[in-house]
Amino acid sequence: MGQYVTMGAMLQCNQGMAPSSLMVMDASRPMVGGMLQATIMDFAPMTNVMPFGMCRSMANPQVAAATAAAMGVLTPMPCAPVIVSPWSPSGKVMIGGMPSLMNNSKCMCAWGGQISINNAGQTQVNE
């Protein structure tokens, strides 16, 4: 059993220092619990997935440069997510031709962060 993910779901990156929220931009989507339902294609950085505060991944060139300048002391820098593939796994229900996003889905940032869903944004249990 899982939960469908909706607009406003709380996200977390294991390399970020703050939670973020999911934005669903397509107003024609079905609603779940009064919120727009998300699909696995809602992964665009700065459109669907907002920054996670400060990034602490050494794979991020800004973090690596700041850490080098601080003589090896890890120096987090502002998060700018770089997500290059959809959320996975997907739900079984199709929304506008795309699989639904479920609360057990994850996606990866190019800087090595794993993004997960801490709160689906609604409370109904589905699938």
Protein backbone atom coordinates (compact mmCIF):
# COMPACT_ATOMS: atom_id res chain seq x y z
CA MET A 1 0.00 0.00 0.00
CA GLY A 2 1.21 3.47 -0.79
CA GLN A 3 -0.05 6.99 -0.99
CA TYR A 4 -0.48 9.13 -4.05
CA VAL A 5 1.74 12.19 -3.91
CA THR A 6 0.20 15.63 -4.33
CA MET A 7 1.18 19.28 -4.61
CA GLY A 8 2.89 20.39 -1.41
CA ALA A 9 4.40 16.99 -0.57
CA MET A 10 7.45 17.31 1.68
CA LEU A 11 10.71 16.19 0.07
CA GLN A 12 14.16 15.54 1.53
CA CYS A 13 17.57 15.13 -0.10
CA ASN A 14 20.18 13.16 1.81
CA GLN A 15 22.79 15.79 0.79
CA GLY A 16 20.56 18.79 1.52
CA MET A 17 20.22 20.50 4.87
CA ALA A 18 16.52 21.46 4.73
CA PRO A 19 13.27 19.91 3.49
CA SER A 20 11.64 21.11 0.29
CA SER A 21 8.20 20.85 -1.24
CA LEU A 22 6.88 19.44 -4.49
CA MET A 23 5.16 21.80 -6.91
CA VAL A 24 2.59 20.46 -9.40
CA MET A 25 2.14 22.99 -12.19
CA ASP A 26 -0.60 21.34 -14.30
CA ALA A 27 -3.93 22.65 -13.01
CA SER A 28 -5.83 20.08 -15.10
CA ARG A 29 -4.60 17.20 -12.91
CA PRO A 30 -7.05 15.26 -10.74
CA MET A 31 -7.27 16.25 -7.09
CA VAL A 32 -6.62 13.99 -4.11
CA GLY A 33 -7.60 15.37 -0.75
CA GLY A 34 -8.04 18.82 -2.33
CA MET A 35 -4.51 18.88 -3.82
CA LEU A 36 -3.29 18.37 -7.40
CA GLN A 37 -1.99 14.85 -7.99
CA ALA A 38 1.65 14.41 -9.10
CA THR A 39 3.17 12.10 -11.73
CA ILE A 40 6.67 10.65 -12.05
CA MET A 41 7.40 13.42 -14.57
CA ASP A 42 7.12 16.15 -11.89
CA PHE A 43 10.89 16.20 -11.32
CA ALA A 44 12.04 19.44 -12.99
CA PRO A 45 14.49 21.32 -10.74
CA MET A 46 13.32 24.78 -9.65
CA THR A 47 9.89 24.08 -11.22
CA ASN A 48 8.68 20.93 -9.43
CA VAL A 49 11.52 20.31 -6.97
CA MET A 50 12.67 23.32 -4.98
CA PRO A 51 16.13 23.63 -3.35
CA PHE A 52 17.01 21.84 -0.11
CA GLY A 53 18.72 24.72 1.67
CA MET A 54 22.45 24.09 1.64
CA CYS A 55 24.13 21.21 -0.24
CA ARG A 56 26.91 19.23 1.41
CA SER A 57 27.79 16.87 -1.48
CA MET A 58 31.43 16.97 -2.55
CA ALA A 59 30.22 15.98 -6.04
CA ASN A 60 28.72 19.48 -6.30
CA PRO A 61 31.45 21.68 -7.85
CA GLN A 62 30.49 24.67 -5.68
CA VAL A 63 30.80 22.62 -2.49
CA ALA A 64 34.10 21.10 -3.66
CA ALA A 65 35.57 24.53 -4.47
CA ALA A 66 34.41 26.08 -1.19
CA THR A 67 35.74 23.09 0.77
CA ALA A 68 39.11 23.32 -1.01
CA ALA A 69 39.26 27.05 -0.24
CA ALA A 70 38.57 26.21 3.43
CA MET A 71 41.57 23.85 3.48
CA GLY A 72 39.46 20.69 3.44
CA VAL A 73 36.78 21.72 5.92
CA LEU A 74 33.41 20.74 4.42
CA THR A 75 31.74 23.98 3.38
CA PRO A 76 28.12 23.56 2.28
CA MET A 77 26.88 25.82 -0.52
CA PRO A 78 23.35 26.77 -1.66
CA CYS A 79 21.44 23.85 -3.15
CA ALA A 80 20.59 23.98 -6.85
CA PRO A 81 19.15 20.53 -7.63
CA VAL A 82 20.16 18.89 -10.92
CA ILE A 83 17.67 16.07 -11.48
CA VAL A 84 17.98 14.32 -14.81
CA SER A 85 15.50 11.44 -14.65
CA PRO A 86 11.92 10.86 -13.43
CA TRP A 87 10.85 9.56 -10.05
CA SER A 88 10.93 5.77 -9.65
CA PRO A 89 9.16 3.45 -8.99
CA SER A 90 5.81 4.65 -10.28
CA GLY A 91 2.24 3.94 -9.33
CA LYS A 92 -0.12 1.88 -11.48
CA VAL A 93 -2.65 4.64 -12.11
CA MET A 94 -2.08 6.77 -15.22
CA ILE A 95 -2.66 10.54 -15.04
CA GLY A 96 -2.71 12.28 -18.41
CA GLY A 97 -0.72 9.41 -19.92
CA MET A 98 1.94 9.45 -17.16
CA PRO A 99 2.25 7.07 -14.18
CA SER A 100 1.23 8.45 -10.80
CA LEU A 101 3.86 9.45 -8.23
CA MET A 102 3.78 7.39 -5.04
CA ASN A 103 5.27 8.13 -1.62
CA ASN A 104 7.92 5.37 -1.99
CA SER A 105 9.33 6.93 -5.18
CA LYS A 106 12.81 8.45 -5.24
CA CYS A 107 14.89 10.45 -7.71
CA MET A 108 18.57 11.30 -7.88
CA CYS A 109 20.40 14.60 -8.09
CA ALA A 110 23.44 14.71 -10.39
CA TRP A 111 25.46 15.80 -7.34
CA GLY A 112 24.83 12.42 -5.66
CA GLY A 113 21.84 13.27 -3.52
CA GLN A 114 18.92 10.86 -3.19
CA ILE A 115 15.59 12.68 -3.00
CA SER A 116 12.76 10.98 -1.16
CA ILE A 117 9.21 11.86 -0.16
CA ASN A 118 8.74 12.39 3.60
CA ASN A 119 5.07 13.33 3.44
CA ALA A 120 2.83 12.62 0.44
CA GLY A 121 0.80 15.80 0.91
CA GLN A 122 -2.44 13.95 1.64
CA THR A 123 -3.59 11.18 3.94
CA GLN A 124 -5.74 8.84 1.84
CA VAL A 125 -4.27 5.37 1.35
CA ASN A 126 -4.51 4.19 -2.24
CA GLU A 127 -3.00 1.45 -4.44
